[in-house]
Amino acid sequence: MDYEELWAWSDSGIVRVADLRAAGMSGYAIDHRCAPGGPWQRILPGLVLLHNGSPTQRQRRRAALLYCGEDAVLTGRAALAEFGYSSSESISDVHVLVPHSQRLQSVRFLTV
């Protein structure tokens, strides 16, 4: 799978490690690409960002929703920004609401 195809397959440059593995990429290849100085990075557990620069706010929001699952919803300024409303969104945590039955914890920039 070439880079353009992988980017088109991603969600704003975010790909699940499980999807990469299902597509035939080895865990070693993923780890190698996510190593310091590599072309990718791990943005949240189980998720890879297909570049090694700082993630955009949109990429952080998309990663948060992918990590939390389909029943998750953004809150606050992140939600406004996702739907195109200008807000004073800063480089702060992305706040997400999840059903009580989901046992997720806050990690890195994600506040659950």
PDB file of N, CA and C in Angstrom:
ATOM      1  N   MET A   1       0.854  -1.176   0.000  1.00  0.00           N
ATOM      2  CA  MET A   1       0.000   0.000   0.000  1.00  0.00           C
ATOM      3  C   MET A   1       0.898   1.237   0.000  1.00  0.00           C
ATOM      4  N   ASP A   2       0.743   2.115  -0.990  1.00  0.00           N
ATOM      5  CA  ASP A   2       1.588   3.305  -1.042  1.00  0.00           C
ATOM      6  C   ASP A   2       0.996   4.404  -0.149  1.00  0.00           C
ATOM      7  N   TYR A   3       1.792   5.469   0.035  1.00  0.00           N
ATOM      8  CA  TYR A   3       1.424   6.516   0.972  1.00  0.00           C
ATOM      9  C   TYR A   3       0.121   7.208   0.603  1.00  0.00           C
ATOM     10  N   GLU A   4      -0.074   7.536  -0.680  1.00  0.00           N
ATOM     11  CA  GLU A   4      -1.301   8.222  -1.093  1.00  0.00           C
ATOM     12  C   GLU A   4      -2.532   7.359  -0.823  1.00  0.00           C
ATOM     13  N   GLU A   5      -2.421   6.076  -1.103  1.00  0.00           N
ATOM     14  CA  GLU A   5      -3.529   5.156  -0.844  1.00  0.00           C
ATOM     15  C   GLU A   5      -3.799   5.057   0.657  1.00  0.00           C
ATOM     16  N   LEU A   6      -2.739   4.985   1.445  1.00  0.00           N
ATOM     17  CA  LEU A   6      -2.889   4.901   2.896  1.00  0.00           C
ATOM     18  C   LEU A   6      -3.515   6.175   3.447  1.00  0.00           C
ATOM     19  N   TRP A   7      -3.087   7.339   2.940  1.00  0.00           N
ATOM     20  CA  TRP A   7      -3.659   8.609   3.404  1.00  0.00           C
ATOM     21  C   TRP A   7      -5.144   8.689   3.047  1.00  0.00           C
ATOM     22  N   ALA A   8      -5.504   8.266   1.846  1.00  0.00           N
ATOM     23  CA  ALA A   8      -6.907   8.285   1.422  1.00  0.00           C
ATOM     24  C   ALA A   8      -7.753   7.345   2.280  1.00  0.00           C
ATOM     25  N   TRP A   9      -7.153   6.296   2.752  1.00  0.00           N
ATOM     26  CA  TRP A   9      -7.822   5.291   3.572  1.00  0.00           C
ATOM     27  C   TRP A   9      -7.969   5.749   5.019  1.00  0.00           C
ATOM     28  N   SER A  10      -7.176   6.741   5.408  1.00  0.00           N
ATOM     29  CA  SER A  10      -7.151   7.202   6.796  1.00  0.00           C
ATOM     30  C   SER A  10      -8.303   8.166   7.080  1.00  0.00           C
ATOM     31  N   ASP A  11      -8.434   8.538   8.339  1.00  0.00           N
ATOM     32  CA  ASP A  11      -9.383   9.562   8.767  1.00  0.00           C
ATOM     33  C   ASP A  11      -8.552  10.775   9.184  1.00  0.00           C
ATOM     34  N   SER A  12      -8.370  11.712   8.274  1.00  0.00           N
ATOM     35  CA  SER A  12      -7.546  12.910   8.524  1.00  0.00           C
ATOM     36  C   SER A  12      -6.107  12.551   8.886  1.00  0.00           C
ATOM     37  N   GLY A  13      -5.604  11.452   8.328  1.00  0.00           N
ATOM     38  CA  GLY A  13      -4.240  11.032   8.614  1.00  0.00           C
ATOM     39  C   GLY A  13      -4.102  10.121   9.818  1.00  0.00           C
ATOM     40  N   ILE A  14      -5.234   9.703  10.390  1.00  0.00           N
ATOM     41  CA  ILE A  14      -5.242   8.812  11.555  1.00  0.00           C
ATOM     42  C   ILE A  14      -5.670   7.418  11.096  1.00  0.00           C
ATOM     43  N   VAL A  15      -4.904   6.402  11.500  1.00  0.00           N
ATOM     44  CA  VAL A  15      -5.225   5.015  11.137  1.00  0.00           C
ATOM     45  C   VAL A  15      -5.145   4.156  12.391  1.00  0.00           C
ATOM     46  N   ARG A  16      -6.084   3.227  12.512  1.00  0.00           N
ATOM     47  CA  ARG A  16      -6.035   2.261  13.612  1.00  0.00           C
ATOM     48  C   ARG A  16      -4.928   1.247  13.341  1.00  0.00           C
ATOM     49  N   VAL A  17      -4.177   0.918  14.380  1.00  0.00           N
ATOM     50  CA  VAL A  17      -3.142  -0.108  14.258  1.00  0.00           C
ATOM     51  C   VAL A  17      -3.779  -1.429  13.832  1.00  0.00           C
ATOM     52  N   ALA A  18      -4.945  -1.748  14.358  1.00  0.00           N
ATOM     53  CA  ALA A  18      -5.635  -2.992  13.992  1.00  0.00           C
ATOM     54  C   ALA A  18      -5.947  -3.031  12.504  1.00  0.00           C
ATOM     55  N   ASP A  19      -6.305  -1.895  11.920  1.00  0.00           N
ATOM     56  CA  ASP A  19      -6.588  -1.840  10.487  1.00  0.00           C
ATOM     57  C   ASP A  19      -5.312  -2.023   9.666  1.00  0.00           C
ATOM     58  N   LEU A  20      -4.215  -1.442  10.123  1.00  0.00           N
ATOM     59  CA  LEU A  20      -2.934  -1.641   9.442  1.00  0.00           C
ATOM     60  C   LEU A  20      -2.535  -3.116   9.473  1.00  0.00           C
ATOM     61  N   ARG A  21      -2.728  -3.732  10.644  1.00  0.00           N
ATOM     62  CA  ARG A  21      -2.396  -5.159  10.777  1.00  0.00           C
ATOM     63  C   ARG A  21      -3.293  -6.004   9.884  1.00  0.00           C
ATOM     64  N   ALA A  22      -4.584  -5.676   9.827  1.00  0.00           N
ATOM     65  CA  ALA A  22      -5.526  -6.422   8.983  1.00  0.00           C
ATOM     66  C   ALA A  22      -5.184  -6.264   7.502  1.00  0.00           C
ATOM     67  N   ALA A  23      -4.568  -5.135   7.135  1.00  0.00           N
ATOM     68  CA  ALA A  23      -4.183  -4.896   5.750  1.00  0.00           C
ATOM     69  C   ALA A  23      -2.856  -5.576   5.405  1.00  0.00           C
ATOM     70  N   GLY A  24      -2.259  -6.247   6.396  1.00  0.00           N
ATOM     71  CA  GLY A  24      -1.044  -7.013   6.137  1.00  0.00           C
ATOM     72  C   GLY A  24       0.247  -6.400   6.630  1.00  0.00           C
ATOM     73  N   MET A  25       0.186  -5.264   7.304  1.00  0.00           N
ATOM     74  CA  MET A  25       1.412  -4.660   7.814  1.00  0.00           C
ATOM     75  C   MET A  25       1.790  -5.324   9.136  1.00  0.00           C
ATOM     76  N   SER A  26       3.043  -5.646   9.287  1.00  0.00           N
ATOM     77  CA  SER A  26       3.504  -6.313  10.505  1.00  0.00           C
ATOM     78  C   SER A  26       3.616  -5.320  11.657  1.00  0.00           C
ATOM     79  N   GLY A  27       3.543  -5.842  12.864  1.00  0.00           N
ATOM     80  CA  GLY A  27       3.734  -5.004  14.041  1.00  0.00           C
ATOM     81  C   GLY A  27       5.107  -4.363  14.041  1.00  0.00           C
ATOM     82  N   TYR A  28       6.113  -5.104  13.565  1.00  0.00           N
ATOM     83  CA  TYR A  28       7.471  -4.560  13.479  1.00  0.00           C
ATOM     84  C   TYR A  28       7.516  -3.357  12.539  1.00  0.00           C
ATOM     85  N   ALA A  29       6.881  -3.467  11.383  1.00  0.00           N
ATOM     86  CA  ALA A  29       6.882  -2.374  10.413  1.00  0.00           C
ATOM     87  C   ALA A  29       6.200  -1.129  10.992  1.00  0.00           C
ATOM     88  N   ILE A  30       5.111  -1.328  11.707  1.00  0.00           N
ATOM     89  CA  ILE A  30       4.402  -0.202  12.338  1.00  0.00           C
ATOM     90  C   ILE A  30       5.295   0.432  13.409  1.00  0.00           C
ATOM     91  N   ASP A  31       5.871  -0.417  14.283  1.00  0.00           N
ATOM     92  CA  ASP A  31       6.755   0.092  15.338  1.00  0.00           C
ATOM     93  C   ASP A  31       7.940   0.845  14.750  1.00  0.00           C
ATOM     94  N   HIS A  32       8.519   0.309  13.681  1.00  0.00           N
ATOM     95  CA  HIS A  32       9.670   0.949  13.036  1.00  0.00           C
ATOM     96  C   HIS A  32       9.296   2.323  12.499  1.00  0.00           C
ATOM     97  N   ARG A  33       8.141   2.447  11.869  1.00  0.00           N
ATOM     98  CA  ARG A  33       7.708   3.733  11.329  1.00  0.00           C
ATOM     99  C   ARG A  33       7.353   4.731  12.422  1.00  0.00           C
ATOM    100  N   CYS A  34       6.968   4.224  13.619  1.00  0.00           N
ATOM    101  CA  CYS A  34       6.589   5.098  14.736  1.00  0.00           C
ATOM    102  C   CYS A  34       7.752   5.366  15.694  1.00  0.00           C
ATOM    103  N   ALA A  35       8.916   4.811  15.416  1.00  0.00           N
ATOM    104  CA  ALA A  35      10.082   5.026  16.269  1.00  0.00           C
ATOM    105  C   ALA A  35      10.544   6.476  16.166  1.00  0.00           C
ATOM    106  N   PRO A  36      11.280   6.964  17.163  1.00  0.00           N
ATOM    107  CA  PRO A  36      11.800   8.338  17.076  1.00  0.00           C
ATOM    108  C   PRO A  36      12.540   8.549  15.760  1.00  0.00           C
ATOM    109  N   GLY A  37      12.222   9.641  15.081  1.00  0.00           N
ATOM    110  CA  GLY A  37      12.822   9.947  13.793  1.00  0.00           C
ATOM    111  C   GLY A  37      12.129   9.284  12.621  1.00  0.00           C
ATOM    112  N   GLY A  38      11.149   8.422  12.903  1.00  0.00           N
ATOM    113  CA  GLY A  38      10.410   7.747  11.847  1.00  0.00           C
ATOM    114  C   GLY A  38       9.365   8.660  11.232  1.00  0.00           C
ATOM    115  N   PRO A  39       8.736   8.209  10.158  1.00  0.00           N
ATOM    116  CA  PRO A  39       7.779   9.060   9.449  1.00  0.00           C
ATOM    117  C   PRO A  39       6.400   9.157  10.111  1.00  0.00           C
ATOM    118  N   TRP A  40       6.088   8.257  11.058  1.00  0.00           N
ATOM    119  CA  TRP A  40       4.778   8.251  11.711  1.00  0.00           C
ATOM    120  C   TRP A  40       4.960   8.430  13.207  1.00  0.00           C
ATOM    121  N   GLN A  41       3.809   8.574  13.904  1.00  0.00           N
ATOM    122  CA  GLN A  41       3.829   8.615  15.364  1.00  0.00           C
ATOM    123  C   GLN A  41       2.537   8.023  15.915  1.00  0.00           C
ATOM    124  N   ARG A  42       2.616   7.544  17.122  1.00  0.00           N
ATOM    125  CA  ARG A  42       1.413   7.066  17.819  1.00  0.00           C
ATOM    126  C   ARG A  42       0.766   8.283  18.472  1.00  0.00           C
ATOM    127  N   ILE A  43      -0.492   8.514  18.118  1.00  0.00           N
ATOM    128  CA  ILE A  43      -1.171   9.706  18.631  1.00  0.00           C
ATOM    129  C   ILE A  43      -1.975   9.381  19.885  1.00  0.00           C
ATOM    130  N   LEU A  44      -2.612   8.221  19.922  1.00  0.00           N
ATOM    131  CA  LEU A  44      -3.312   7.685  21.091  1.00  0.00           C
ATOM    132  C   LEU A  44      -3.134   6.174  21.045  1.00  0.00           C
ATOM    133  N   PRO A  45      -3.388   5.474  22.149  1.00  0.00           N
ATOM    134  CA  PRO A  45      -3.219   4.021  22.119  1.00  0.00           C
ATOM    135  C   PRO A  45      -4.021   3.373  20.982  1.00  0.00           C
ATOM    136  N   GLY A  46      -3.326   2.574  20.175  1.00  0.00           N
ATOM    137  CA  GLY A  46      -3.972   1.870  19.079  1.00  0.00           C
ATOM    138  C   GLY A  46      -4.185   2.694  17.826  1.00  0.00           C
ATOM    139  N   LEU A  47      -3.696   3.941  17.815  1.00  0.00           N
ATOM    140  CA  LEU A  47      -3.877   4.841  16.671  1.00  0.00           C
ATOM    141  C   LEU A  47      -2.538   5.427  16.232  1.00  0.00           C
ATOM    142  N   VAL A  48      -2.374   5.529  14.911  1.00  0.00           N
ATOM    143  CA  VAL A  48      -1.151   6.065  14.318  1.00  0.00           C
ATOM    144  C   VAL A  48      -1.495   7.305  13.510  1.00  0.00           C
ATOM    145  N   LEU A  49      -0.638   8.327  13.619  1.00  0.00           N
ATOM    146  CA  LEU A  49      -0.728   9.526  12.802  1.00  0.00           C
ATOM    147  C   LEU A  49       0.295   9.373  11.689  1.00  0.00           C
ATOM    148  N   LEU A  50      -0.125   9.546  10.450  1.00  0.00           N
ATOM    149  CA  LEU A  50       0.719   9.260   9.296  1.00  0.00           C
ATOM    150  C   LEU A  50       1.737  10.358   8.970  1.00  0.00           C
ATOM    151  N   HIS A  51       2.171  11.107   9.963  1.00  0.00           N
ATOM    152  CA  HIS A  51       3.310  12.020   9.842  1.00  0.00           C
ATOM    153  C   HIS A  51       3.895  12.196  11.228  1.00  0.00           C
ATOM    154  N   ASN A  52       5.078  12.755  11.290  1.00  0.00           N
ATOM    155  CA  ASN A  52       5.739  12.872  12.589  1.00  0.00           C
ATOM    156  C   ASN A  52       5.764  14.293  13.140  1.00  0.00           C
ATOM    157  N   GLY A  53       5.025  15.195  12.514  1.00  0.00           N
ATOM    158  CA  GLY A  53       4.935  16.566  13.007  1.00  0.00           C
ATOM    159  C   GLY A  53       3.842  16.694  14.062  1.00  0.00           C
ATOM    160  N   SER A  54       3.625  17.891  14.506  1.00  0.00           N
ATOM    161  CA  SER A  54       2.563  18.135  15.482  1.00  0.00           C
ATOM    162  C   SER A  54       1.207  17.887  14.837  1.00  0.00           C
ATOM    163  N   PRO A  55       0.327  17.169  15.526  1.00  0.00           N
ATOM    164  CA  PRO A  55      -1.008  16.963  14.961  1.00  0.00           C
ATOM    165  C   PRO A  55      -1.800  18.263  14.970  1.00  0.00           C
ATOM    166  N   THR A  56      -2.641  18.429  13.972  1.00  0.00           N
ATOM    167  CA  THR A  56      -3.534  19.582  13.943  1.00  0.00           C
ATOM    168  C   THR A  56      -4.636  19.371  14.977  1.00  0.00           C
ATOM    169  N   GLN A  57      -5.346  20.429  15.286  1.00  0.00           N
ATOM    170  CA  GLN A  57      -6.476  20.291  16.210  1.00  0.00           C
ATOM    171  C   GLN A  57      -7.512  19.320  15.635  1.00  0.00           C
ATOM    172  N   ARG A  58      -7.754  19.387  14.333  1.00  0.00           N
ATOM    173  CA  ARG A  58      -8.700  18.458  13.703  1.00  0.00           C
ATOM    174  C   ARG A  58      -8.217  17.026  13.860  1.00  0.00           C
ATOM    175  N   GLN A  59      -6.939  16.762  13.676  1.00  0.00           N
ATOM    176  CA  GLN A  59      -6.418  15.414  13.849  1.00  0.00           C
ATOM    177  C   GLN A  59      -6.554  14.954  15.291  1.00  0.00           C
ATOM    178  N   ARG A  60      -6.357  15.841  16.228  1.00  0.00           N
ATOM    179  CA  ARG A  60      -6.542  15.482  17.644  1.00  0.00           C
ATOM    180  C   ARG A  60      -8.000  15.126  17.926  1.00  0.00           C
ATOM    181  N   ARG A  61      -8.916  15.915  17.357  1.00  0.00           N
ATOM    182  CA  ARG A  61     -10.343  15.620  17.557  1.00  0.00           C
ATOM    183  C   ARG A  61     -10.722  14.286  16.916  1.00  0.00           C
ATOM    184  N   ARG A  62     -10.271  14.045  15.683  1.00  0.00           N
ATOM    185  CA  ARG A  62     -10.592  12.794  14.980  1.00  0.00           C
ATOM    186  C   ARG A  62     -10.000  11.605  15.729  1.00  0.00           C
ATOM    187  N   ALA A  63      -8.770  11.745  16.209  1.00  0.00           N
ATOM    188  CA  ALA A  63      -8.143  10.664  16.972  1.00  0.00           C
ATOM    189  C   ALA A  63      -8.931  10.372  18.249  1.00  0.00           C
ATOM    190  N   ALA A  64      -9.375  11.428  18.923  1.00  0.00           N
ATOM    191  CA  ALA A  64     -10.148  11.246  20.153  1.00  0.00           C
ATOM    192  C   ALA A  64     -11.427  10.466  19.878  1.00  0.00           C
ATOM    193  N   LEU A  65     -12.122  10.817  18.796  1.00  0.00           N
ATOM    194  CA  LEU A  65     -13.369  10.117  18.469  1.00  0.00           C
ATOM    195  C   LEU A  65     -13.111   8.674  18.033  1.00  0.00           C
ATOM    196  N   LEU A  66     -12.059   8.434  17.264  1.00  0.00           N
ATOM    197  CA  LEU A  66     -11.728   7.063  16.866  1.00  0.00           C
ATOM    198  C   LEU A  66     -11.371   6.215  18.084  1.00  0.00           C
ATOM    199  N   TYR A  67     -10.620   6.789  19.005  1.00  0.00           N
ATOM    200  CA  TYR A  67     -10.211   6.075  20.216  1.00  0.00           C
ATOM    201  C   TYR A  67     -11.413   5.739  21.104  1.00  0.00           C
ATOM    202  N   CYS A  68     -12.350   6.682  21.217  1.00  0.00           N
ATOM    203  CA  CYS A  68     -13.478   6.512  22.139  1.00  0.00           C
ATOM    204  C   CYS A  68     -14.640   5.716  21.551  1.00  0.00           C
ATOM    205  N   GLY A  69     -14.713   5.576  20.245  1.00  0.00           N
ATOM    206  CA  GLY A  69     -15.767   4.765  19.644  1.00  0.00           C
ATOM    207  C   GLY A  69     -16.922   5.569  19.105  1.00  0.00           C
ATOM    208  N   GLU A  70     -17.808   4.860  18.400  1.00  0.00           N
ATOM    209  CA  GLU A  70     -18.876   5.528  17.655  1.00  0.00           C
ATOM    210  C   GLU A  70     -19.926   6.201  18.521  1.00  0.00           C
ATOM    211  N   ASP A  71     -20.023   5.837  19.799  1.00  0.00           N
ATOM    212  CA  ASP A  71     -21.006   6.476  20.678  1.00  0.00           C
ATOM    213  C   ASP A  71     -20.458   7.717  21.382  1.00  0.00           C
ATOM    214  N   ALA A  72     -19.196   8.049  21.134  1.00  0.00           N
ATOM    215  CA  ALA A  72     -18.569   9.201  21.776  1.00  0.00           C
ATOM    216  C   ALA A  72     -18.978  10.490  21.076  1.00  0.00           C
ATOM    217  N   VAL A  73     -19.013  11.574  21.839  1.00  0.00           N
ATOM    218  CA  VAL A  73     -19.309  12.888  21.274  1.00  0.00           C
ATOM    219  C   VAL A  73     -18.332  13.918  21.833  1.00  0.00           C
ATOM    220  N   LEU A  74     -17.927  14.836  20.976  1.00  0.00           N
ATOM    221  CA  LEU A  74     -17.089  15.945  21.399  1.00  0.00           C
ATOM    222  C   LEU A  74     -17.930  16.931  22.194  1.00  0.00           C
ATOM    223  N   THR A  75     -17.280  17.650  23.100  1.00  0.00           N
ATOM    224  CA  THR A  75     -17.976  18.679  23.861  1.00  0.00           C
ATOM    225  C   THR A  75     -17.216  19.987  23.764  1.00  0.00           C
ATOM    226  N   GLY A  76     -17.870  21.036  24.141  1.00  0.00           N
ATOM    227  CA  GLY A  76     -17.228  22.336  24.255  1.00  0.00           C
ATOM    228  C   GLY A  76     -16.714  22.901  22.950  1.00  0.00           C
ATOM    229  N   ARG A  77     -15.594  23.597  23.038  1.00  0.00           N
ATOM    230  CA  ARG A  77     -15.022  24.280  21.888  1.00  0.00           C
ATOM    231  C   ARG A  77     -14.603  23.318  20.787  1.00  0.00           C
ATOM    232  N   ALA A  78     -14.175  22.124  21.161  1.00  0.00           N
ATOM    233  CA  ALA A  78     -13.792  21.129  20.152  1.00  0.00           C
ATOM    234  C   ALA A  78     -14.996  20.771  19.289  1.00  0.00           C
ATOM    235  N   ALA A  79     -16.161  20.626  19.901  1.00  0.00           N
ATOM    236  CA  ALA A  79     -17.369  20.309  19.143  1.00  0.00           C
ATOM    237  C   ALA A  79     -17.739  21.460  18.212  1.00  0.00           C
ATOM    238  N   LEU A  80     -17.654  22.678  18.709  1.00  0.00           N
ATOM    239  CA  LEU A  80     -17.954  23.835  17.859  1.00  0.00           C
ATOM    240  C   LEU A  80     -17.021  23.890  16.663  1.00  0.00           C
ATOM    241  N   ALA A  81     -15.733  23.685  16.896  1.00  0.00           N
ATOM    242  CA  ALA A  81     -14.753  23.732  15.813  1.00  0.00           C
ATOM    243  C   ALA A  81     -14.987  22.612  14.806  1.00  0.00           C
ATOM    244  N   GLU A  82     -15.344  21.439  15.269  1.00  0.00           N
ATOM    245  CA  GLU A  82     -15.570  20.300  14.368  1.00  0.00           C
ATOM    246  C   GLU A  82     -16.720  20.582  13.411  1.00  0.00           C
ATOM    247  N   PHE A  83     -17.692  21.352  13.856  1.00  0.00           N
ATOM    248  CA  PHE A  83     -18.851  21.650  13.024  1.00  0.00           C
ATOM    249  C   PHE A  83     -18.746  23.009  12.327  1.00  0.00           C
ATOM    250  N   GLY A  84     -17.533  23.561  12.303  1.00  0.00           N
ATOM    251  CA  GLY A  84     -17.283  24.741  11.504  1.00  0.00           C
ATOM    252  C   GLY A  84     -17.539  26.077  12.163  1.00  0.00           C
ATOM    253  N   TYR A  85     -17.876  26.086  13.433  1.00  0.00           N
ATOM    254  CA  TYR A  85     -18.096  27.349  14.120  1.00  0.00           C
ATOM    255  C   TYR A  85     -16.761  27.870  14.620  1.00  0.00           C
ATOM    256  N   SER A  86     -16.533  29.137  14.402  1.00  0.00           N
ATOM    257  CA  SER A  86     -15.286  29.690  14.904  1.00  0.00           C
ATOM    258  C   SER A  86     -15.410  29.809  16.416  1.00  0.00           C
ATOM    259  N   SER A  87     -14.356  29.426  17.058  1.00  0.00           N
ATOM    260  CA  SER A  87     -14.311  29.522  18.508  1.00  0.00           C
ATOM    261  C   SER A  87     -12.881  29.852  18.893  1.00  0.00           C
ATOM    262  N   SER A  88     -12.693  30.111  20.110  1.00  0.00           N
ATOM    263  CA  SER A  88     -11.333  30.383  20.575  1.00  0.00           C
ATOM    264  C   SER A  88     -10.688  29.066  20.984  1.00  0.00           C
ATOM    265  N   GLU A  89     -10.805  28.070  20.115  1.00  0.00           N
ATOM    266  CA  GLU A  89     -10.216  26.764  20.403  1.00  0.00           C
ATOM    267  C   GLU A  89      -8.712  26.921  20.581  1.00  0.00           C
ATOM    268  N   SER A  90      -8.212  26.362  21.630  1.00  0.00           N
ATOM    269  CA  SER A  90      -6.781  26.456  21.898  1.00  0.00           C
ATOM    270  C   SER A  90      -6.170  25.061  21.800  1.00  0.00           C
ATOM    271  N   ILE A  91      -4.907  24.986  22.082  1.00  0.00           N
ATOM    272  CA  ILE A  91      -4.207  23.706  22.056  1.00  0.00           C
ATOM    273  C   ILE A  91      -4.419  23.032  23.412  1.00  0.00           C
ATOM    274  N   SER A  92      -5.631  22.939  23.831  1.00  0.00           N
ATOM    275  CA  SER A  92      -5.943  22.317  25.112  1.00  0.00           C
ATOM    276  C   SER A  92      -6.473  20.916  24.874  1.00  0.00           C
ATOM    277  N   ASP A  93      -6.863  20.304  25.943  1.00  0.00           N
ATOM    278  CA  ASP A  93      -7.405  18.954  25.854  1.00  0.00           C
ATOM    279  C   ASP A  93      -8.653  18.912  24.997  1.00  0.00           C
ATOM    280  N   VAL A  94      -8.867  17.757  24.370  1.00  0.00           N
ATOM    281  CA  VAL A  94     -10.096  17.480  23.638  1.00  0.00           C
ATOM    282  C   VAL A  94     -11.011  16.744  24.612  1.00  0.00           C
ATOM    283  N   HIS A  95     -12.173  17.306  24.884  1.00  0.00           N
ATOM    284  CA  HIS A  95     -13.116  16.713  25.828  1.00  0.00           C
ATOM    285  C   HIS A  95     -14.144  15.875  25.071  1.00  0.00           C
ATOM    286  N   VAL A  96     -14.357  14.647  25.540  1.00  0.00           N
ATOM    287  CA  VAL A  96     -15.263  13.706  24.884  1.00  0.00           C
ATOM    288  C   VAL A  96     -16.151  13.058  25.936  1.00  0.00           C
ATOM    289  N   LEU A  97     -17.426  12.938  25.617  1.00  0.00           N
ATOM    290  CA  LEU A  97     -18.363  12.201  26.458  1.00  0.00           C
ATOM    291  C   LEU A  97     -18.538  10.805  25.875  1.00  0.00           C
ATOM    292  N   VAL A  98     -18.534   9.801  26.745  1.00  0.00           N
ATOM    293  CA  VAL A  98     -18.750   8.415  26.321  1.00  0.00           C
ATOM    294  C   VAL A  98     -19.820   7.800  27.219  1.00  0.00           C
ATOM    295  N   PRO A  99     -20.505   6.760  26.733  1.00  0.00           N
ATOM    296  CA  PRO A  99     -21.482   6.089  27.586  1.00  0.00           C
ATOM    297  C   PRO A  99     -20.809   5.553  28.857  1.00  0.00           C
ATOM    298  N   HIS A 100     -21.552   5.562  29.940  1.00  0.00           N
ATOM    299  CA  HIS A 100     -21.019   5.108  31.225  1.00  0.00           C
ATOM    300  C   HIS A 100     -20.492   3.675  31.158  1.00  0.00           C
ATOM    301  N   SER A 101     -21.077   2.859  30.297  1.00  0.00           N
ATOM    302  CA  SER A 101     -20.663   1.453  30.198  1.00  0.00           C
ATOM    303  C   SER A 101     -19.263   1.286  29.599  1.00  0.00           C
ATOM    304  N   GLN A 102     -18.776   2.308  28.903  1.00  0.00           N
ATOM    305  CA  GLN A 102     -17.424   2.241  28.356  1.00  0.00           C
ATOM    306  C   GLN A 102     -16.431   2.588  29.451  1.00  0.00           C
ATOM    307  N   ARG A 103     -15.418   1.796  29.561  1.00  0.00           N
ATOM    308  CA  ARG A 103     -14.406   2.002  30.602  1.00  0.00           C
ATOM    309  C   ARG A 103     -13.150   2.608  29.985  1.00  0.00           C
ATOM    310  N   LEU A 104     -13.236   3.864  29.615  1.00  0.00           N
ATOM    311  CA  LEU A 104     -12.092   4.559  29.036  1.00  0.00           C
ATOM    312  C   LEU A 104     -11.560   5.575  30.028  1.00  0.00           C
ATOM    313  N   GLN A 105     -10.252   5.783  29.984  1.00  0.00           N
ATOM    314  CA  GLN A 105      -9.640   6.785  30.822  1.00  0.00           C
ATOM    315  C   GLN A 105      -9.033   7.884  29.972  1.00  0.00           C
ATOM    316  N   SER A 106      -8.884   9.043  30.573  1.00  0.00           N
ATOM    317  CA  SER A 106      -8.228  10.146  29.887  1.00  0.00           C
ATOM    318  C   SER A 106      -6.773   9.761  29.625  1.00  0.00           C
ATOM    319  N   VAL A 107      -6.263  10.174  28.477  1.00  0.00           N
ATOM    320  CA  VAL A 107      -4.885   9.885  28.101  1.00  0.00           C
ATOM    321  C   VAL A 107      -4.365  11.025  27.229  1.00  0.00           C
ATOM    322  N   ARG A 108      -3.146  11.436  27.481  1.00  0.00           N
ATOM    323  CA  ARG A 108      -2.488  12.513  26.742  1.00  0.00           C
ATOM    324  C   ARG A 108      -3.376  13.743  26.682  1.00  0.00           C
ATOM    325  N   PHE A 109      -3.774  14.157  25.497  1.00  0.00           N
ATOM    326  CA  PHE A 109      -4.593  15.366  25.302  1.00  0.00           C
ATOM    327  C   PHE A 109      -6.082  15.095  25.408  1.00  0.00           C
ATOM    328  N   LEU A 110      -6.477  13.846  25.600  1.00  0.00           N
ATOM    329  CA  LEU A 110      -7.889  13.457  25.615  1.00  0.00           C
ATOM    330  C   LEU A 110      -8.419  13.408  27.046  1.00  0.00           C
ATOM    331  N   THR A 111      -9.486  14.159  27.279  1.00  0.00           N
ATOM    332  CA  THR A 111     -10.178  14.108  28.564  1.00  0.00           C
ATOM    333  C   THR A 111     -11.518  13.429  28.354  1.00  0.00           C
ATOM    334  N   VAL A 112     -11.700  12.284  28.996  1.00  0.00           N
ATOM    335  CA  VAL A 112     -12.933  11.501  28.864  1.00  0.00           C
ATOM    336  C   VAL A 112     -13.835  11.832  30.034  1.00  0.00           C
TER     337      VAL A 112
END
